[in-house]
Amino acid sequence: MMRMRGFTLIELLVTLSLLALILTSAAPMAQLTIKRSKEQELRRSLWQIRDAIDAYKKASEDGLIKKLPGQTGYPPDLYILVKGVENLRDPKKRKIYFMRNIPRDPFAPASIETAEASWGKRSYASSFEEPAPGDDVYDVHSLSNEKGLDQRPYREW
């Protein structure tokens, strides 16, 4: 038998075969870990945005921010949550901020340029079954057509 630095050719081939087997079995596990991490990020981002929308609505109901007659009290867009709105009760007219930044949908394609554009928006006037944008932002959802590990589409989270 031919020896290469203490290993026979057969031992070397067996070792390489085992290494290849281990690597091919690790790839699906790595993909699963990446998907699970993105799902956690999606949950966190949805919670953060929805919490900010609720805080904006509460500030509107409490008279802290301007609400015109006929408006729902929900923000007109996501950007205003970061930009801030004037506090009507503050003598110095300082702004109330609801978010530091808008998180990006982790499942959005890279071609979507802004974090705000990465989310689907649902207005107060639209139905849950067919969310559509409108005069305000009542809720957000992922635009991804993928399904989660629990087999629910990300759009329904």
C-alpha atoms as a PDB file:
ATOM      1  CA  MET A   1       0.000   0.000   0.000  1.00  0.00           C
ATOM      2  CA  MET A   2       1.088   3.509  -0.762  1.00  0.00           C
ATOM      3  CA  ARG A   3       1.656   5.649   2.334  1.00  0.00           C
ATOM      4  CA  MET A   4       1.269   9.441   2.489  1.00  0.00           C
ATOM      5  CA  ARG A   5       2.700  10.899   5.696  1.00  0.00           C
ATOM      6  CA  GLY A   6       1.567   8.063   7.886  1.00  0.00           C
ATOM      7  CA  PHE A   7      -1.810   7.420   6.160  1.00  0.00           C
ATOM      8  CA  THR A   8      -2.571   4.859   3.538  1.00  0.00           C
ATOM      9  CA  LEU A   9      -4.483   5.965   0.470  1.00  0.00           C
ATOM     10  CA  ILE A  10      -7.563   4.038   1.655  1.00  0.00           C
ATOM     11  CA  GLU A  11      -7.446   5.709   5.085  1.00  0.00           C
ATOM     12  CA  LEU A  12      -7.181   9.099   3.404  1.00  0.00           C
ATOM     13  CA  LEU A  13     -10.171   8.394   1.125  1.00  0.00           C
ATOM     14  CA  VAL A  14     -12.275   7.147   4.051  1.00  0.00           C
ATOM     15  CA  THR A  15     -11.375  10.252   6.062  1.00  0.00           C
ATOM     16  CA  LEU A  16     -12.280  12.555   3.151  1.00  0.00           C
ATOM     17  CA  SER A  17     -15.546  10.688   2.595  1.00  0.00           C
ATOM     18  CA  LEU A  18     -16.508  11.049   6.252  1.00  0.00           C
ATOM     19  CA  LEU A  19     -15.612  14.732   6.200  1.00  0.00           C
ATOM     20  CA  ALA A  20     -17.763  15.268   3.086  1.00  0.00           C
ATOM     21  CA  LEU A  21     -20.662  13.425   4.720  1.00  0.00           C
ATOM     22  CA  ILE A  22     -20.417  15.581   7.845  1.00  0.00           C
ATOM     23  CA  LEU A  23     -20.297  18.799   5.810  1.00  0.00           C
ATOM     24  CA  THR A  24     -23.312  17.888   3.648  1.00  0.00           C
ATOM     25  CA  SER A  25     -25.364  17.015   6.721  1.00  0.00           C
ATOM     26  CA  ALA A  26     -24.382  20.310   8.406  1.00  0.00           C
ATOM     27  CA  ALA A  27     -25.584  22.525   5.528  1.00  0.00           C
ATOM     28  CA  PRO A  28     -29.343  22.000   6.127  1.00  0.00           C
ATOM     29  CA  MET A  29     -28.798  22.590   9.838  1.00  0.00           C
ATOM     30  CA  ALA A  30     -27.036  25.884   9.081  1.00  0.00           C
ATOM     31  CA  GLN A  31     -29.900  26.940   6.772  1.00  0.00           C
ATOM     32  CA  LEU A  32     -32.412  26.111   9.494  1.00  0.00           C
ATOM     33  CA  THR A  33     -30.443  28.161  12.021  1.00  0.00           C
ATOM     34  CA  ILE A  34     -30.310  31.145   9.648  1.00  0.00           C
ATOM     35  CA  LYS A  35     -34.062  30.935   8.964  1.00  0.00           C
ATOM     36  CA  ARG A  36     -34.854  30.667  12.682  1.00  0.00           C
ATOM     37  CA  SER A  37     -32.690  33.731  13.365  1.00  0.00           C
ATOM     38  CA  LYS A  38     -34.468  35.728  10.637  1.00  0.00           C
ATOM     39  CA  GLU A  39     -37.830  34.678  12.063  1.00  0.00           C
ATOM     40  CA  GLN A  40     -36.817  35.953  15.509  1.00  0.00           C
ATOM     41  CA  GLU A  41     -35.745  39.229  13.916  1.00  0.00           C
ATOM     42  CA  LEU A  42     -39.099  39.439  12.079  1.00  0.00           C
ATOM     43  CA  ARG A  43     -41.022  38.898  15.322  1.00  0.00           C
ATOM     44  CA  ARG A  44     -38.944  41.551  17.102  1.00  0.00           C
ATOM     45  CA  SER A  45     -39.367  44.055  14.273  1.00  0.00           C
ATOM     46  CA  LEU A  46     -43.128  43.508  14.012  1.00  0.00           C
ATOM     47  CA  TRP A  47     -43.481  43.927  17.774  1.00  0.00           C
ATOM     48  CA  GLN A  48     -41.381  47.112  17.747  1.00  0.00           C
ATOM     49  CA  ILE A  49     -43.324  48.744  14.895  1.00  0.00           C
ATOM     50  CA  ARG A  50     -46.719  47.695  16.237  1.00  0.00           C
ATOM     51  CA  ASP A  51     -45.809  48.975  19.690  1.00  0.00           C
ATOM     52  CA  ALA A  52     -44.824  52.356  18.192  1.00  0.00           C
ATOM     53  CA  ILE A  53     -48.091  52.525  16.190  1.00  0.00           C
ATOM     54  CA  ASP A  54     -50.063  51.817  19.387  1.00  0.00           C
ATOM     55  CA  ALA A  55     -48.109  54.486  21.303  1.00  0.00           C
ATOM     56  CA  TYR A  56     -48.830  57.014  18.532  1.00  0.00           C
ATOM     57  CA  LYS A  57     -52.551  56.159  18.673  1.00  0.00           C
ATOM     58  CA  LYS A  58     -52.587  56.520  22.469  1.00  0.00           C
ATOM     59  CA  ALA A  59     -50.801  59.889  22.274  1.00  0.00           C
ATOM     60  CA  SER A  60     -53.433  60.971  19.752  1.00  0.00           C
ATOM     61  CA  GLU A  61     -56.291  59.859  22.011  1.00  0.00           C
ATOM     62  CA  ASP A  62     -54.673  61.581  25.012  1.00  0.00           C
ATOM     63  CA  GLY A  63     -54.456  64.878  23.123  1.00  0.00           C
ATOM     64  CA  LEU A  64     -50.668  64.954  23.056  1.00  0.00           C
ATOM     65  CA  ILE A  65     -50.501  65.189  19.277  1.00  0.00           C
ATOM     66  CA  LYS A  66     -52.668  66.941  16.718  1.00  0.00           C
ATOM     67  CA  LYS A  67     -55.587  64.955  15.347  1.00  0.00           C
ATOM     68  CA  LEU A  68     -57.838  66.503  12.736  1.00  0.00           C
ATOM     69  CA  PRO A  69     -61.564  65.695  12.657  1.00  0.00           C
ATOM     70  CA  GLY A  70     -62.231  62.558  10.641  1.00  0.00           C
ATOM     71  CA  GLN A  71     -58.760  61.123  11.232  1.00  0.00           C
ATOM     72  CA  THR A  72     -58.364  57.785  12.998  1.00  0.00           C
ATOM     73  CA  GLY A  73     -55.446  58.826  15.176  1.00  0.00           C
ATOM     74  CA  TYR A  74     -53.097  56.295  13.594  1.00  0.00           C
ATOM     75  CA  PRO A  75     -49.878  57.567  11.977  1.00  0.00           C
ATOM     76  CA  PRO A  76     -50.097  58.599   8.305  1.00  0.00           C
ATOM     77  CA  ASP A  77     -46.882  56.667   7.566  1.00  0.00           C
ATOM     78  CA  LEU A  78     -44.092  54.831   9.393  1.00  0.00           C
ATOM     79  CA  TYR A  79     -41.556  57.606   8.909  1.00  0.00           C
ATOM     80  CA  ILE A  80     -43.449  59.950  11.258  1.00  0.00           C
ATOM     81  CA  LEU A  81     -42.778  57.502  14.107  1.00  0.00           C
ATOM     82  CA  VAL A  82     -39.064  58.247  13.691  1.00  0.00           C
ATOM     83  CA  LYS A  83     -39.340  61.901  12.652  1.00  0.00           C
ATOM     84  CA  GLY A  84     -41.501  62.670  15.675  1.00  0.00           C
ATOM     85  CA  VAL A  85     -44.510  64.922  16.212  1.00  0.00           C
ATOM     86  CA  GLU A  86     -44.943  68.058  18.261  1.00  0.00           C
ATOM     87  CA  ASN A  87     -46.195  67.530  21.804  1.00  0.00           C
ATOM     88  CA  LEU A  88     -49.171  69.889  22.160  1.00  0.00           C
ATOM     89  CA  ARG A  89     -48.967  69.844  25.971  1.00  0.00           C
ATOM     90  CA  ASP A  90     -45.280  70.720  26.175  1.00  0.00           C
ATOM     91  CA  PRO A  91     -44.751  74.472  26.671  1.00  0.00           C
ATOM     92  CA  LYS A  92     -41.487  74.217  24.718  1.00  0.00           C
ATOM     93  CA  LYS A  93     -43.277  72.272  21.918  1.00  0.00           C
ATOM     94  CA  ARG A  94     -40.697  69.483  21.926  1.00  0.00           C
ATOM     95  CA  LYS A  95     -41.310  66.458  19.752  1.00  0.00           C
ATOM     96  CA  ILE A  96     -42.460  63.016  20.826  1.00  0.00           C
ATOM     97  CA  TYR A  97     -40.507  60.212  19.150  1.00  0.00           C
ATOM     98  CA  PHE A  98     -41.919  56.693  18.957  1.00  0.00           C
ATOM     99  CA  MET A  99     -38.978  54.840  17.346  1.00  0.00           C
ATOM    100  CA  ARG A 100     -35.278  55.459  16.783  1.00  0.00           C
ATOM    101  CA  ASN A 101     -35.362  53.854  13.362  1.00  0.00           C
ATOM    102  CA  ILE A 102     -37.589  51.666  11.254  1.00  0.00           C
ATOM    103  CA  PRO A 103     -36.293  48.090  11.209  1.00  0.00           C
ATOM    104  CA  ARG A 104     -36.058  46.389   7.838  1.00  0.00           C
ATOM    105  CA  ASP A 105     -38.096  43.265   7.105  1.00  0.00           C
ATOM    106  CA  PRO A 106     -35.441  40.513   7.279  1.00  0.00           C
ATOM    107  CA  PHE A 107     -37.208  38.606   4.475  1.00  0.00           C
ATOM    108  CA  ALA A 108     -37.432  41.591   2.126  1.00  0.00           C
ATOM    109  CA  PRO A 109     -35.356  41.407  -1.051  1.00  0.00           C
ATOM    110  CA  ALA A 110     -32.221  43.545  -1.163  1.00  0.00           C
ATOM    111  CA  SER A 111     -33.687  45.442  -4.133  1.00  0.00           C
ATOM    112  CA  ILE A 112     -36.087  47.272  -1.782  1.00  0.00           C
ATOM    113  CA  GLU A 113     -34.168  50.416  -0.925  1.00  0.00           C
ATOM    114  CA  THR A 114     -35.735  51.710   2.291  1.00  0.00           C
ATOM    115  CA  ALA A 115     -36.733  49.986   5.515  1.00  0.00           C
ATOM    116  CA  GLU A 116     -40.188  51.593   5.357  1.00  0.00           C
ATOM    117  CA  ALA A 117     -40.778  50.227   1.843  1.00  0.00           C
ATOM    118  CA  SER A 118     -39.846  46.714   2.997  1.00  0.00           C
ATOM    119  CA  TRP A 119     -43.128  46.430   4.938  1.00  0.00           C
ATOM    120  CA  GLY A 120     -46.668  45.946   3.765  1.00  0.00           C
ATOM    121  CA  LYS A 121     -49.013  48.436   5.368  1.00  0.00           C
ATOM    122  CA  ARG A 122     -52.641  48.034   6.358  1.00  0.00           C
ATOM    123  CA  SER A 123     -54.849  51.031   6.911  1.00  0.00           C
ATOM    124  CA  TYR A 124     -57.584  51.171   9.513  1.00  0.00           C
ATOM    125  CA  ALA A 125     -60.191  51.044   6.722  1.00  0.00           C
ATOM    126  CA  SER A 126     -58.876  47.820   5.120  1.00  0.00           C
ATOM    127  CA  SER A 127     -59.752  44.277   6.117  1.00  0.00           C
ATOM    128  CA  PHE A 128     -57.425  41.784   7.774  1.00  0.00           C
ATOM    129  CA  GLU A 129     -57.935  39.249   4.962  1.00  0.00           C
ATOM    130  CA  GLU A 130     -56.924  41.755   2.273  1.00  0.00           C
ATOM    131  CA  PRO A 131     -54.638  44.335   3.886  1.00  0.00           C
ATOM    132  CA  ALA A 132     -54.259  47.495   1.833  1.00  0.00           C
ATOM    133  CA  PRO A 133     -52.511  50.816   2.422  1.00  0.00           C
ATOM    134  CA  GLY A 134     -54.595  53.933   2.885  1.00  0.00           C
ATOM    135  CA  ASP A 135     -54.673  57.248   4.752  1.00  0.00           C
ATOM    136  CA  ASP A 136     -53.041  55.801   7.866  1.00  0.00           C
ATOM    137  CA  VAL A 137     -50.963  52.857   9.089  1.00  0.00           C
ATOM    138  CA  TYR A 138     -52.969  50.616  11.389  1.00  0.00           C
ATOM    139  CA  ASP A 139     -50.711  47.562  11.065  1.00  0.00           C
ATOM    140  CA  VAL A 140     -47.711  46.214   9.159  1.00  0.00           C
ATOM    141  CA  HIS A 141     -46.916  42.819   7.693  1.00  0.00           C
ATOM    142  CA  SER A 142     -44.122  41.124   5.790  1.00  0.00           C
ATOM    143  CA  LEU A 143     -44.311  41.229   1.999  1.00  0.00           C
ATOM    144  CA  SER A 144     -42.555  37.860   1.756  1.00  0.00           C
ATOM    145  CA  ASN A 145     -44.333  34.951   0.063  1.00  0.00           C
ATOM    146  CA  GLU A 146     -42.317  32.431   2.122  1.00  0.00           C
ATOM    147  CA  LYS A 147     -43.721  30.257   4.873  1.00  0.00           C
ATOM    148  CA  GLY A 148     -42.273  30.068   8.346  1.00  0.00           C
ATOM    149  CA  LEU A 149     -41.029  26.997  10.153  1.00  0.00           C
ATOM    150  CA  ASP A 150     -44.559  26.698  11.586  1.00  0.00           C
ATOM    151  CA  GLN A 151     -45.930  26.638   7.989  1.00  0.00           C
ATOM    152  CA  ARG A 152     -47.750  29.986   8.399  1.00  0.00           C
ATOM    153  CA  PRO A 153     -46.976  32.566   5.700  1.00  0.00           C
ATOM    154  CA  TYR A 154     -44.872  35.463   7.000  1.00  0.00           C
ATOM    155  CA  ARG A 155     -47.566  37.818   5.637  1.00  0.00           C
ATOM    156  CA  GLU A 156     -49.895  36.545   8.378  1.00  0.00           C
ATOM    157  CA  TRP A 157     -47.558  37.059  11.329  1.00  0.00           C
END
